[in-house]
C-alpha atoms as a PDB file:
ATOM      1  CA  MET A   1       0.000   0.000   0.000  1.00  0.00           C
ATOM      2  CA  ARG A   2       2.865   2.367   0.866  1.00  0.00           C
ATOM      3  CA  LEU A   3       4.488   1.635  -2.526  1.00  0.00           C
ATOM      4  CA  LYS A   4       1.236   2.470  -4.298  1.00  0.00           C
ATOM      5  CA  LYS A   5       0.931   5.701  -2.299  1.00  0.00           C
ATOM      6  CA  HIS A   6       4.438   6.758  -3.288  1.00  0.00           C
ATOM      7  CA  TYR A   7       3.808   5.796  -6.911  1.00  0.00           C
ATOM      8  CA  VAL A   8       0.698   8.022  -7.028  1.00  0.00           C
ATOM      9  CA  ALA A   9       2.608  10.867  -5.374  1.00  0.00           C
ATOM     10  CA  PHE A  10       5.434  10.517  -7.907  1.00  0.00           C
ATOM     11  CA  ASN A  11       3.015  10.840 -10.824  1.00  0.00           C
ATOM     12  CA  LEU A  12       1.195  13.828  -9.354  1.00  0.00           C
ATOM     13  CA  ILE A  13       4.456  15.624  -8.603  1.00  0.00           C
ATOM     14  CA  PHE A  14       5.635  14.881 -12.154  1.00  0.00           C
ATOM     15  CA  VAL A  15       2.561  16.684 -13.517  1.00  0.00           C
ATOM     16  CA  PHE A  16       2.805  19.524 -10.991  1.00  0.00           C
ATOM     17  CA  PHE A  17       6.406  20.238 -11.912  1.00  0.00           C
ATOM     18  CA  ILE A  18       5.503  20.973 -15.525  1.00  0.00           C
ATOM     19  CA  CYS A  19       2.271  22.936 -15.054  1.00  0.00           C
ATOM     20  CA  SER A  20       1.952  26.683 -14.249  1.00  0.00           C
ATOM     21  CA  SER A  21       0.085  29.751 -15.735  1.00  0.00           C
ATOM     22  CA  PHE A  22      -1.185  32.368 -18.341  1.00  0.00           C
ATOM     23  CA  ILE A  23      -3.190  32.255 -21.592  1.00  0.00           C
ATOM     24  CA  ILE A  24      -2.899  34.105 -24.976  1.00  0.00           C
ATOM     25  CA  THR A  25      -4.642  33.964 -28.327  1.00  0.00           C
ATOM     26  CA  ASP A  26      -3.518  32.574 -31.698  1.00  0.00           C
ATOM     27  CA  THR A  27      -3.371  35.375 -34.255  1.00  0.00           C
ATOM     28  CA  LYS A  28      -0.312  34.775 -36.451  1.00  0.00           C
ATOM     29  CA  LYS A  29      -0.613  33.788 -40.128  1.00  0.00           C
ATOM     30  CA  SER A  30       1.405  31.121 -41.898  1.00  0.00           C
ATOM     31  CA  THR A  31       4.561  31.921 -43.826  1.00  0.00           C
ATOM     32  CA  THR A  32       6.654  29.793 -46.147  1.00  0.00           C
ATOM     33  CA  GLN A  33      10.363  30.483 -46.468  1.00  0.00           C
ATOM     34  CA  THR A  34      13.091  28.646 -48.335  1.00  0.00           C
ATOM     35  CA  GLN A  35      16.274  29.998 -46.775  1.00  0.00           C
ATOM     36  CA  SER A  36      19.200  27.629 -46.499  1.00  0.00           C
ATOM     37  CA  LEU A  37      18.950  26.882 -42.780  1.00  0.00           C
ATOM     38  CA  GLU A  38      20.326  23.929 -40.878  1.00  0.00           C
ATOM     39  CA  LEU A  39      19.679  22.388 -37.472  1.00  0.00           C
ATOM     40  CA  ASN A  40      21.890  19.429 -36.618  1.00  0.00           C
ATOM     41  CA  THR A  41      19.912  16.816 -34.683  1.00  0.00           C
ATOM     42  CA  ASP A  42      21.857  13.682 -35.644  1.00  0.00           C
ATOM     43  CA  GLY A  43      22.057  11.145 -32.839  1.00  0.00           C
ATOM     44  CA  LEU A  44      19.621  12.938 -30.530  1.00  0.00           C
ATOM     45  CA  PHE A  45      16.853  11.028 -28.753  1.00  0.00           C
ATOM     46  CA  TYR A  46      14.157  13.358 -30.139  1.00  0.00           C
ATOM     47  CA  ALA A  47      15.982  14.063 -33.431  1.00  0.00           C
ATOM     48  CA  GLU A  48      12.921  13.559 -35.647  1.00  0.00           C
ATOM     49  CA  PHE A  49      10.701  15.785 -33.510  1.00  0.00           C
ATOM     50  CA  TYR A  50      13.247  18.616 -33.429  1.00  0.00           C
ATOM     51  CA  ASP A  51      13.649  18.443 -37.212  1.00  0.00           C
ATOM     52  CA  TYR A  52       9.909  18.624 -37.879  1.00  0.00           C
ATOM     53  CA  ILE A  53       9.550  21.609 -35.543  1.00  0.00           C
ATOM     54  CA  PHE A  54      12.552  23.347 -37.140  1.00  0.00           C
ATOM     55  CA  ARG A  55      11.071  22.867 -40.632  1.00  0.00           C
ATOM     56  CA  GLY A  56       7.593  23.939 -39.516  1.00  0.00           C
ATOM     57  CA  HIS A  57       6.121  20.568 -40.496  1.00  0.00           C
ATOM     58  CA  PHE A  58       3.963  20.396 -37.388  1.00  0.00           C
ATOM     59  CA  GLU A  59       1.529  17.918 -38.918  1.00  0.00           C
ATOM     60  CA  LYS A  60       4.196  15.210 -39.109  1.00  0.00           C
ATOM     61  CA  THR A  61       5.257  15.062 -35.473  1.00  0.00           C
ATOM     62  CA  GLN A  62       3.845  12.312 -33.265  1.00  0.00           C
ATOM     63  CA  ILE A  63       4.378  14.397 -30.118  1.00  0.00           C
ATOM     64  CA  LYS A  64       1.405  16.729 -29.871  1.00  0.00           C
ATOM     65  CA  ARG A  65       1.369  20.100 -28.164  1.00  0.00           C
ATOM     66  CA  GLU A  66      -1.188  18.670 -25.701  1.00  0.00           C
ATOM     67  CA  ASP A  67       1.272  16.020 -24.505  1.00  0.00           C
ATOM     68  CA  LEU A  68       3.161  16.349 -21.222  1.00  0.00           C
ATOM     69  CA  GLN A  69       6.169  15.157 -23.202  1.00  0.00           C
ATOM     70  CA  PHE A  70       6.149  18.361 -25.266  1.00  0.00           C
ATOM     71  CA  ILE A  71       5.906  20.607 -22.206  1.00  0.00           C
ATOM     72  CA  SER A  72       8.894  18.774 -20.749  1.00  0.00           C
ATOM     73  CA  ILE A  73      10.889  19.247 -23.984  1.00  0.00           C
ATOM     74  CA  PHE A  74      10.056  22.972 -24.049  1.00  0.00           C
ATOM     75  CA  GLU A  75      11.002  23.401 -20.384  1.00  0.00           C
ATOM     76  CA  GLN A  76      14.315  21.578 -20.679  1.00  0.00           C
ATOM     77  CA  TYR A  77      15.258  23.395 -23.879  1.00  0.00           C
ATOM     78  CA  LEU A  78      14.787  26.773 -22.166  1.00  0.00           C
ATOM     79  CA  ARG A  79      16.915  25.640 -19.242  1.00  0.00           C
ATOM     80  CA  ALA A  80      19.641  24.296 -21.523  1.00  0.00           C
ATOM     81  CA  TYR A  81      19.761  27.562 -23.477  1.00  0.00           C
ATOM     82  CA  GLY A  82      19.832  29.585 -20.266  1.00  0.00           C
ATOM     83  CA  ARG A  83      22.697  27.447 -18.987  1.00  0.00           C
ATOM     84  CA  GLU A  84      24.794  27.293 -22.170  1.00  0.00           C
ATOM     85  CA  CYS A  85      23.879  30.483 -24.042  1.00  0.00           C
ATOM     86  CA  ASP A  86      23.086  33.128 -21.414  1.00  0.00           C
ATOM     87  CA  GLN A  87      25.354  35.694 -23.128  1.00  0.00           C
ATOM     88  CA  TYR A  88      23.011  35.695 -26.143  1.00  0.00           C
ATOM     89  CA  LEU A  89      19.920  36.605 -24.122  1.00  0.00           C
ATOM     90  CA  THR A  90      18.735  40.211 -24.231  1.00  0.00           C
ATOM     91  CA  GLU A  91      18.484  42.548 -21.220  1.00  0.00           C
ATOM     92  CA  ASN A  92      14.772  41.847 -20.811  1.00  0.00           C
ATOM     93  CA  LYS A  93      15.424  38.168 -20.113  1.00  0.00           C
ATOM     94  CA  VAL A  94      13.234  36.626 -17.413  1.00  0.00           C
ATOM     95  CA  ASP A  95      13.929  34.265 -14.528  1.00  0.00           C
ATOM     96  CA  ILE A  96      13.210  30.573 -14.972  1.00  0.00           C
ATOM     97  CA  MET A  97      11.507  29.478 -11.773  1.00  0.00           C
ATOM     98  CA  ASP A  98      12.014  26.246  -9.829  1.00  0.00           C
ATOM     99  CA  LEU A  99       9.299  24.517  -7.833  1.00  0.00           C
ATOM    100  CA  VAL A 100      10.899  23.482  -4.538  1.00  0.00           C
ATOM    101  CA  CYS A 101       9.674  21.779  -1.402  1.00  0.00           C
ATOM    102  CA  ALA A 102       9.036  24.138   1.516  1.00  0.00           C
ATOM    103  CA  LYS A 103       7.487  21.687   3.983  1.00  0.00           C
ATOM    104  CA  VAL A 104       8.079  17.948   4.440  1.00  0.00           C
ATOM    105  CA  GLU A 105       5.834  15.486   6.274  1.00  0.00           C
ATOM    106  CA  ILE A 106       7.805  12.596   7.798  1.00  0.00           C
ATOM    107  CA  GLU A 107       6.139   9.277   8.580  1.00  0.00           C
ATOM    108  CA  LYS A 108       7.761   7.093  11.269  1.00  0.00           C
ATOM    109  CA  ASN A 109       6.992   3.717  12.774  1.00  0.00           C
ATOM    110  CA  ILE A 110       6.644   3.050  16.516  1.00  0.00           C
ATOM    111  CA  TYR A 111      10.435   2.642  16.813  1.00  0.00           C
ATOM    112  CA  GLY A 112      11.138   6.052  15.341  1.00  0.00           C
ATOM    113  CA  ASP A 113      12.410   4.752  12.014  1.00  0.00           C
ATOM    114  CA  VAL A 114      11.615   7.008   9.051  1.00  0.00           C
ATOM    115  CA  LEU A 115       9.185   5.258   6.687  1.00  0.00           C
ATOM    116  CA  SER A 116       8.592   8.046   4.202  1.00  0.00           C
ATOM    117  CA  ARG A 117       9.090  11.735   3.499  1.00  0.00           C
ATOM    118  CA  THR A 118       6.283  13.563   1.664  1.00  0.00           C
ATOM    119  CA  CYS A 119       6.369  17.179   0.565  1.00  0.00           C
ATOM    120  CA  THR A 120       3.167  18.930   1.626  1.00  0.00           C
ATOM    121  CA  LYS A 121       4.004  22.459   0.448  1.00  0.00           C
ATOM    122  CA  TYR A 122       5.798  23.738  -2.639  1.00  0.00           C
ATOM    123  CA  VAL A 123       7.004  27.259  -3.431  1.00  0.00           C
ATOM    124  CA  TRP A 124       8.476  28.891  -6.525  1.00  0.00           C
ATOM    125  CA  GLN A 125      11.986  30.303  -6.397  1.00  0.00           C
ATOM    126  CA  LYS A 126      14.492  31.643  -8.924  1.00  0.00           C
ATOM    127  CA  SER A 127      16.646  28.976 -10.531  1.00  0.00           C
ATOM    128  CA  GLY A 128      19.522  31.264 -11.528  1.00  0.00           C
ATOM    129  CA  LEU A 129      18.764  30.577 -15.192  1.00  0.00           C
ATOM    130  CA  PHE A 130      17.099  32.980 -17.617  1.00  0.00           C
ATOM    131  CA  ALA A 131      15.013  32.758 -20.806  1.00  0.00           C
ATOM    132  CA  ARG A 132      13.642  34.850 -23.645  1.00  0.00           C
ATOM    133  CA  PRO A 133      10.429  36.385 -22.242  1.00  0.00           C
ATOM    134  CA  ASP A 134       8.258  35.438 -25.236  1.00  0.00           C
ATOM    135  CA  LEU A 135       9.414  31.813 -25.138  1.00  0.00           C
ATOM    136  CA  TYR A 136       8.964  31.508 -21.377  1.00  0.00           C
ATOM    137  CA  GLU A 137       5.492  33.021 -21.509  1.00  0.00           C
ATOM    138  CA  ALA A 138       4.529  30.661 -24.343  1.00  0.00           C
ATOM    139  CA  LYS A 139       5.580  27.712 -22.183  1.00  0.00           C
ATOM    140  CA  ARG A 140       3.594  28.990 -19.202  1.00  0.00           C
ATOM    141  CA  THR A 141       0.565  29.602 -21.431  1.00  0.00           C
ATOM    142  CA  LEU A 142       0.638  26.021 -22.647  1.00  0.00           C
ATOM    143  CA  GLU A 143       1.058  24.676 -19.107  1.00  0.00           C
ATOM    144  CA  GLN A 144      -2.029  26.542 -17.937  1.00  0.00           C
ATOM    145  CA  GLN A 145      -4.066  25.342 -20.881  1.00  0.00           C
ATOM    146  CA  GLN A 146      -3.022  21.733 -20.340  1.00  0.00           C
ATOM    147  CA  SER A 147      -2.890  21.483 -16.537  1.00  0.00           C
ATOM    148  CA  GLU A 148      -6.349  19.937 -16.060  1.00  0.00           C
ATOM    149  CA  ASP A 149      -5.942  17.591 -19.020  1.00  0.00           C
ATOM    150  CA  ALA A 150      -2.498  16.578 -17.756  1.00  0.00           C
ATOM    151  CA  LEU A 151      -3.922  15.436 -14.445  1.00  0.00           C
ATOM    152  CA  GLN A 152      -6.606  13.414 -16.203  1.00  0.00           C
ATOM    153  CA  LYS A 153      -4.037  11.718 -18.445  1.00  0.00           C
ATOM    154  CA  THR A 154      -1.797  10.906 -15.496  1.00  0.00           C
ATOM    155  CA  PHE A 155      -4.639   9.328 -13.517  1.00  0.00           C
ATOM    156  CA  ALA A 156      -5.577   7.282 -16.600  1.00  0.00           C
ATOM    157  CA  GLU A 157      -1.994   6.026 -16.858  1.00  0.00           C
ATOM    158  CA  MET A 158      -1.941   5.204 -13.139  1.00  0.00           C
ATOM    159  CA  LEU A 159      -5.059   3.051 -13.513  1.00  0.00           C
ATOM    160  CA  SER A 160      -3.766   1.329 -16.644  1.00  0.00           C
ATOM    161  CA  PRO A 161      -2.764  -2.369 -16.403  1.00  0.00           C
ATOM    162  CA  ASN A 162       0.607  -1.191 -17.753  1.00  0.00           C
ATOM    163  CA  ALA A 163       1.038   1.563 -15.133  1.00  0.00           C
ATOM    164  CA  ILE A 164       4.599   0.578 -14.193  1.00  0.00           C
ATOM    165  CA  GLY A 165       5.612   0.471 -17.846  1.00  0.00           C
ATOM    166  CA  ASN A 166       4.127   3.932 -18.444  1.00  0.00           C
ATOM    167  CA  SER A 167       5.988   5.291 -15.441  1.00  0.00           C
ATOM    168  CA  MET A 168       9.298   3.825 -16.644  1.00  0.00           C
ATOM    169  CA  ASP A 169       8.687   5.285 -20.106  1.00  0.00           C
ATOM    170  CA  ARG A 170       8.587   8.753 -18.559  1.00  0.00           C
ATOM    171  CA  VAL A 171      11.885   8.084 -16.789  1.00  0.00           C
ATOM    172  CA  HIS A 172      13.499   6.919 -20.049  1.00  0.00           C
ATOM    173  CA  ASN A 173      12.119   9.891 -21.994  1.00  0.00           C
ATOM    174  CA  LEU A 174      13.410  12.369 -19.420  1.00  0.00           C
ATOM    175  CA  LYS A 175      16.852  10.790 -19.441  1.00  0.00           C
ATOM    176  CA  GLY A 176      16.910  10.841 -23.251  1.00  0.00           C
ATOM    177  CA  LEU A 177      15.877  14.492 -23.185  1.00  0.00           C
ATOM    178  CA  ARG A 178      18.592  15.340 -20.673  1.00  0.00           C
ATOM    179  CA  ASN A 179      21.167  13.712 -22.953  1.00  0.00           C
ATOM    180  CA  ASP A 180      19.801  15.735 -25.895  1.00  0.00           C
ATOM    181  CA  MET A 181      20.124  19.029 -24.088  1.00  0.00           C
ATOM    182  CA  ALA A 182      23.726  18.226 -23.169  1.00  0.00           C
ATOM    183  CA  GLN A 183      24.452  17.933 -26.920  1.00  0.00           C
ATOM    184  CA  MET A 184      22.122  20.467 -28.567  1.00  0.00           C
ATOM    185  CA  PHE A 185      24.528  23.405 -28.279  1.00  0.00           C
ATOM    186  CA  VAL A 186      27.525  21.256 -29.092  1.00  0.00           C
ATOM    187  CA  LEU A 187      25.906  20.380 -32.418  1.00  0.00           C
ATOM    188  CA  ASN A 188      24.539  23.900 -32.986  1.00  0.00           C
ATOM    189  CA  SER A 189      25.864  27.333 -32.031  1.00  0.00           C
ATOM    190  CA  CYS A 190      23.683  29.402 -29.710  1.00  0.00           C
ATOM    191  CA  ASP A 191      23.246  32.276 -32.172  1.00  0.00           C
ATOM    192  CA  SER A 192      22.828  30.215 -35.361  1.00  0.00           C
ATOM    193  CA  ASP A 193      19.956  30.924 -37.728  1.00  0.00           C
ATOM    194  CA  GLY A 194      18.905  27.299 -37.327  1.00  0.00           C
ATOM    195  CA  ILE A 195      18.459  27.685 -33.564  1.00  0.00           C
ATOM    196  CA  LYS A 196      16.567  30.953 -34.058  1.00  0.00           C
ATOM    197  CA  ARG A 197      14.172  29.298 -36.500  1.00  0.00           C
ATOM    198  CA  PHE A 198      13.743  26.294 -34.184  1.00  0.00           C
ATOM    199  CA  GLU A 199      12.854  28.590 -31.264  1.00  0.00           C
ATOM    200  CA  GLU A 200      10.336  30.592 -33.283  1.00  0.00           C
ATOM    201  CA  ASN A 201       8.565  27.471 -34.482  1.00  0.00           C
ATOM    202  CA  LEU A 202       8.768  25.901 -31.026  1.00  0.00           C
ATOM    203  CA  LYS A 203       6.891  28.918 -29.678  1.00  0.00           C
ATOM    204  CA  ARG A 204       4.329  28.806 -32.488  1.00  0.00           C
ATOM    205  CA  TYR A 205       3.731  25.097 -31.948  1.00  0.00           C
ATOM    206  CA  ALA A 206       3.172  25.676 -28.223  1.00  0.00           C
ATOM    207  CA  LEU A 207       0.638  28.444 -28.912  1.00  0.00           C
ATOM    208  CA  ASN A 208      -1.141  26.508 -31.681  1.00  0.00           C
ATOM    209  CA  GLN A 209      -0.096  29.081 -34.275  1.00  0.00           C
ATOM    210  CA  SER A 210       0.818  28.515 -37.915  1.00  0.00           C
ATOM    211  CA  ALA A 211       4.435  27.587 -38.624  1.00  0.00           C
ATOM    212  CA  ILE A 212       7.142  29.229 -40.650  1.00  0.00           C
ATOM    213  CA  ARG A 213       7.471  26.385 -43.152  1.00  0.00           C
ATOM    214  CA  MET A 214      10.448  25.188 -45.133  1.00  0.00           C
ATOM    215  CA  LYS A 215       9.793  23.557 -48.512  1.00  0.00           C
ATOM    216  CA  ALA A 216      12.596  21.016 -48.121  1.00  0.00           C
ATOM    217  CA  GLU A 217      11.295  17.692 -46.790  1.00  0.00           C
ATOM    218  CA  SER A 218      12.806  16.180 -43.656  1.00  0.00           C
ATOM    219  CA  LYS A 219      14.997  13.145 -44.232  1.00  0.00           C
ATOM    220  CA  TYR A 220      12.902  11.372 -41.605  1.00  0.00           C
ATOM    221  CA  ALA A 221       9.711  11.904 -43.608  1.00  0.00           C
ATOM    222  CA  THR A 222      11.455  10.908 -46.845  1.00  0.00           C
ATOM    223  CA  MET A 223      12.711   7.616 -45.444  1.00  0.00           C
ATOM    224  CA  LYS A 224       9.222   6.650 -44.261  1.00  0.00           C
ATOM    225  CA  THR A 225       7.816   7.291 -47.730  1.00  0.00           C
ATOM    226  CA  LEU A 226      10.541   5.340 -49.534  1.00  0.00           C
ATOM    227  CA  GLY A 227      10.629   2.513 -46.976  1.00  0.00           C
ATOM    228  CA  GLY A 228      13.408   0.219 -45.884  1.00  0.00           C
ATOM    229  CA  PRO A 229      16.184  -1.243 -48.033  1.00  0.00           C
ATOM    230  CA  SER A 230      15.953  -4.534 -49.880  1.00  0.00           C
ATOM    231  CA  GLY A 231      18.620  -7.208 -50.100  1.00  0.00           C
ATOM    232  CA  ALA A 232      20.920  -8.590 -47.423  1.00  0.00           C
ATOM    233  CA  GLN A 233      21.391  -6.299 -44.401  1.00  0.00           C
ATOM    234  CA  ASN A 234      23.624  -6.564 -41.358  1.00  0.00           C
ATOM    235  CA  LEU A 235      20.754  -6.992 -38.900  1.00  0.00           C
ATOM    236  CA  ASN A 236      23.092  -7.895 -36.033  1.00  0.00           C
ATOM    237  CA  LYS A 237      24.780  -4.505 -36.349  1.00  0.00           C
ATOM    238  CA  LEU A 238      21.429  -2.730 -36.720  1.00  0.00           C
ATOM    239  CA  VAL A 239      19.964  -4.357 -33.595  1.00  0.00           C
ATOM    240  CA  ASP A 240      23.178  -3.704 -31.656  1.00  0.00           C
ATOM    241  CA  ASP A 241      23.044   0.001 -32.554  1.00  0.00           C
ATOM    242  CA  LEU A 242      19.314   0.280 -31.753  1.00  0.00           C
ATOM    243  CA  VAL A 243      19.671  -1.394 -28.340  1.00  0.00           C
ATOM    244  CA  ALA A 244      22.831   0.570 -27.469  1.00  0.00           C
ATOM    245  CA  ASN A 245      20.997   3.782 -28.311  1.00  0.00           C
ATOM    246  CA  GLN A 246      18.029   2.831 -26.121  1.00  0.00           C
ATOM    247  CA  ALA A 247      20.370   1.789 -23.300  1.00  0.00           C
ATOM    248  CA  LYS A 248      21.498   5.417 -22.910  1.00  0.00           C
ATOM    249  CA  THR A 249      18.135   6.043 -21.223  1.00  0.00           C
ATOM    250  CA  TRP A 250      18.080   2.953 -18.989  1.00  0.00           C
ATOM    251  CA  ALA A 251      17.857   3.693 -15.281  1.00  0.00           C
ATOM    252  CA  MET A 252      19.902   0.785 -13.842  1.00  0.00           C
ATOM    253  CA  ASN A 253      20.818  -1.897 -16.377  1.00  0.00           C
ATOM    254  CA  LYS A 254      23.846  -1.341 -18.603  1.00  0.00           C
ATOM    255  CA  TYR A 255      23.963  -2.840 -22.071  1.00  0.00           C
ATOM    256  CA  VAL A 256      27.055  -4.851 -23.015  1.00  0.00           C
ATOM    257  CA  PRO A 257      28.007  -3.563 -26.492  1.00  0.00           C
ATOM    258  CA  GLN A 258      28.107  -6.047 -29.378  1.00  0.00           C
ATOM    259  CA  SER A 259      26.422  -8.759 -27.277  1.00  0.00           C
ATOM    260  CA  ILE A 260      23.574  -9.434 -29.711  1.00  0.00           C
ATOM    261  CA  SER A 261      23.102 -13.190 -30.178  1.00  0.00           C
ATOM    262  CA  ARG A 262      20.631 -15.748 -31.551  1.00  0.00           C
ATOM    263  CA  LEU A 263      19.056 -13.206 -33.878  1.00  0.00           C
ATOM    264  CA  SER A 264      16.141 -14.526 -35.902  1.00  0.00           C
ATOM    265  CA  VAL A 265      13.759 -12.986 -38.422  1.00  0.00           C
ATOM    266  CA  LEU A 266      10.317 -14.177 -37.329  1.00  0.00           C
ATOM    267  CA  LYS A 267       8.367 -12.665 -40.197  1.00  0.00           C
ATOM    268  CA  LYS A 268       9.065 -11.050 -43.582  1.00  0.00           C
ATOM    269  CA  ASP A 269       7.001  -8.873 -45.920  1.00  0.00           C
ATOM    270  CA  ALA A 270       6.242  -9.563 -49.581  1.00  0.00           C
ATOM    271  CA  GLN A 271       9.544  -7.940 -50.602  1.00  0.00           C
ATOM    272  CA  GLY A 272      11.550 -10.180 -48.290  1.00  0.00           C
ATOM    273  CA  ARG A 273      12.246  -7.395 -45.800  1.00  0.00           C
ATOM    274  CA  PRO A 274      11.977  -8.151 -42.055  1.00  0.00           C
ATOM    275  CA  MET A 275       8.696  -7.455 -40.283  1.00  0.00           C
ATOM    276  CA  VAL A 276       9.579  -8.952 -36.875  1.00  0.00           C
ATOM    277  CA  VAL A 277      13.108  -9.573 -35.564  1.00  0.00           C
ATOM    278  CA  ARG A 278      14.027 -11.066 -32.202  1.00  0.00           C
ATOM    279  CA  ALA A 279      17.453 -11.322 -30.558  1.00  0.00           C
ATOM    280  CA  ASN A 280      19.104 -11.853 -27.193  1.00  0.00           C
ATOM    281  CA  TYR A 281      21.590  -9.488 -25.565  1.00  0.00           C
ATOM    282  CA  THR A 282      23.678  -9.245 -22.405  1.00  0.00           C
ATOM    283  CA  TYR A 283      23.352  -6.550 -19.748  1.00  0.00           C
ATOM    284  CA  GLN A 284      24.970  -5.762 -16.412  1.00  0.00           C
ATOM    285  CA  PHE A 285      23.124  -4.980 -13.207  1.00  0.00           C
ATOM    286  CA  PHE A 286      25.165  -3.929 -10.157  1.00  0.00           C
ATOM    287  CA  GLY A 287      28.166  -5.904 -11.382  1.00  0.00           C
ATOM    288  CA  ASN A 288      26.181  -9.013 -12.277  1.00  0.00           C
ATOM    289  CA  SER A 289      25.479 -10.151 -15.832  1.00  0.00           C
ATOM    290  CA  GLY A 290      22.093 -11.115 -17.203  1.00  0.00           C
ATOM    291  CA  GLU A 291      20.568 -11.982 -20.546  1.00  0.00           C
ATOM    292  CA  GLY A 292      17.509 -10.321 -21.983  1.00  0.00           C
ATOM    293  CA  TRP A 293      15.705 -10.254 -25.304  1.00  0.00           C
ATOM    294  CA  VAL A 294      14.465  -7.573 -27.638  1.00  0.00           C
ATOM    295  CA  GLN A 295      11.811  -7.908 -30.326  1.00  0.00           C
ATOM    296  CA  ILE A 296      11.658  -5.311 -33.090  1.00  0.00           C
ATOM    297  CA  SER A 297       8.650  -4.691 -35.297  1.00  0.00           C
ATOM    298  CA  PHE A 298       9.117  -3.143 -38.757  1.00  0.00           C
ATOM    299  CA  GLU A 299       6.750  -1.053 -40.867  1.00  0.00           C
ATOM    300  CA  ASN A 300       7.374  -0.546 -44.582  1.00  0.00           C
ATOM    301  CA  GLY A 301      10.766  -2.173 -44.087  1.00  0.00           C
ATOM    302  CA  LEU A 302      11.895   0.173 -41.292  1.00  0.00           C
ATOM    303  CA  PRO A 303      12.208  -0.429 -37.511  1.00  0.00           C
ATOM    304  CA  LYS A 304       9.110   0.912 -35.781  1.00  0.00           C
ATOM    305  CA  CYS A 305       9.067  -0.400 -32.186  1.00  0.00           C
ATOM    306  CA  LEU A 306      11.466  -2.113 -29.802  1.00  0.00           C
ATOM    307  CA  TYR A 307       9.947  -4.348 -27.113  1.00  0.00           C
ATOM    308  CA  PHE A 308      12.238  -5.455 -24.269  1.00  0.00           C
ATOM    309  CA  HIS A 309      11.863  -8.505 -22.054  1.00  0.00           C
ATOM    310  CA  ASP A 310      11.295  -6.517 -18.860  1.00  0.00           C
ATOM    311  CA  LEU A 311       8.570  -4.273 -20.341  1.00  0.00           C
ATOM    312  CA  PRO A 312       7.183  -6.354 -23.236  1.00  0.00           C
ATOM    313  CA  GLN A 313       4.072  -4.207 -23.734  1.00  0.00           C
ATOM    314  CA  ASN A 314       5.930  -0.918 -24.125  1.00  0.00           C
ATOM    315  CA  CYS A 315       6.914   0.250 -27.599  1.00  0.00           C
ATOM    316  CA  LYS A 316      10.285   2.008 -27.509  1.00  0.00           C
ATOM    317  CA  ILE A 317      10.740   4.287 -30.511  1.00  0.00           C
ATOM    318  CA  PRO A 318      13.977   3.449 -32.349  1.00  0.00           C
ATOM    319  CA  GLY A 319      16.622   6.139 -32.761  1.00  0.00           C
ATOM    320  CA  SER A 320      15.568   8.076 -35.864  1.00  0.00           C
ATOM    321  CA  SER A 321      19.148   8.808 -36.957  1.00  0.00           C
ATOM    322  CA  ILE A 322      19.916   5.065 -36.917  1.00  0.00           C
ATOM    323  CA  VAL A 323      16.735   4.283 -38.852  1.00  0.00           C
ATOM    324  CA  ALA A 324      17.615   6.952 -41.437  1.00  0.00           C
ATOM    325  CA  ASN A 325      21.080   5.423 -41.845  1.00  0.00           C
ATOM    326  CA  TYR A 326      19.512   1.984 -42.295  1.00  0.00           C
ATOM    327  CA  ALA A 327      17.079   3.347 -44.899  1.00  0.00           C
ATOM    328  CA  ASN A 328      19.970   4.872 -46.830  1.00  0.00           C
ATOM    329  CA  GLY A 329      21.849   1.572 -47.056  1.00  0.00           C
ATOM    330  CA  GLY A 330      24.190   2.091 -44.127  1.00  0.00           C
ATOM    331  CA  TYR A 331      23.793  -1.535 -42.971  1.00  0.00           C
ATOM    332  CA  LYS A 332      24.023  -3.278 -46.322  1.00  0.00           C
ATOM    333  CA  ASN A 333      26.100  -6.474 -46.322  1.00  0.00           C
END
């Protein structure tokens, strides 16, 4: 019962941390521009999403503005920019606020041992980081609009038969996002035109406004249209790269590189391309070794979902940069 109580508290706090205030209206009109702009997202956990936002192809992204996942991405991007690029912010920059615990309730047993610590009061305080005022207000606007819906979605996930899997997905997504933000301004300079365009479209997406569109198609959209490669492919290498990429977000287990074994293609499409692939791999857990399995489903010849032995109902989205490389023949034997 205590575990369930803490699990519920964790989910509610997760929502509370990404919800705050304000509302504004959508008035901007769409624009199409064809400037030669670039945003390097190769290797990032959310590479495909960033690229669609940058290009203004909002209709293609699977992460909707109503999703808690998007609010988290917006929040962490602002913090990363404030941390890495503060010198490029203007004088009217605003404080990014942290929600911190101001009062803790401690539960003890009859022997005085601490059983749990629960925060009963939160307050906002300055984080020491700053943001562009229009971007920060757009984030707060979206949080206010989505706060009630966010609570409803979280309760639905908590009551789901796959509640633990959903909770772990959030942990993995947050870790993947943290890794992205550590690399975003290594791959792109703070004052680049690509970053400026990304920020403008990020704001417009948050406020449900029309995008500044680029005509050039994203390589991620192109690969899905063309489909996967035909002929012999190095599936062992592909699966190794996909699992290693996912393992960057694992909370405790550590993947042993190049440990893919007993790979089998369980189903093929009419063109002879894999539809379902299954393989074993080795991982380490607190110094001990274990063996797990991964099953990968394909759509139109491309990896679509990874299912791992410990959370077999949860679809893990494969790294889009790896899938793009596979589509372009990067794993051909």
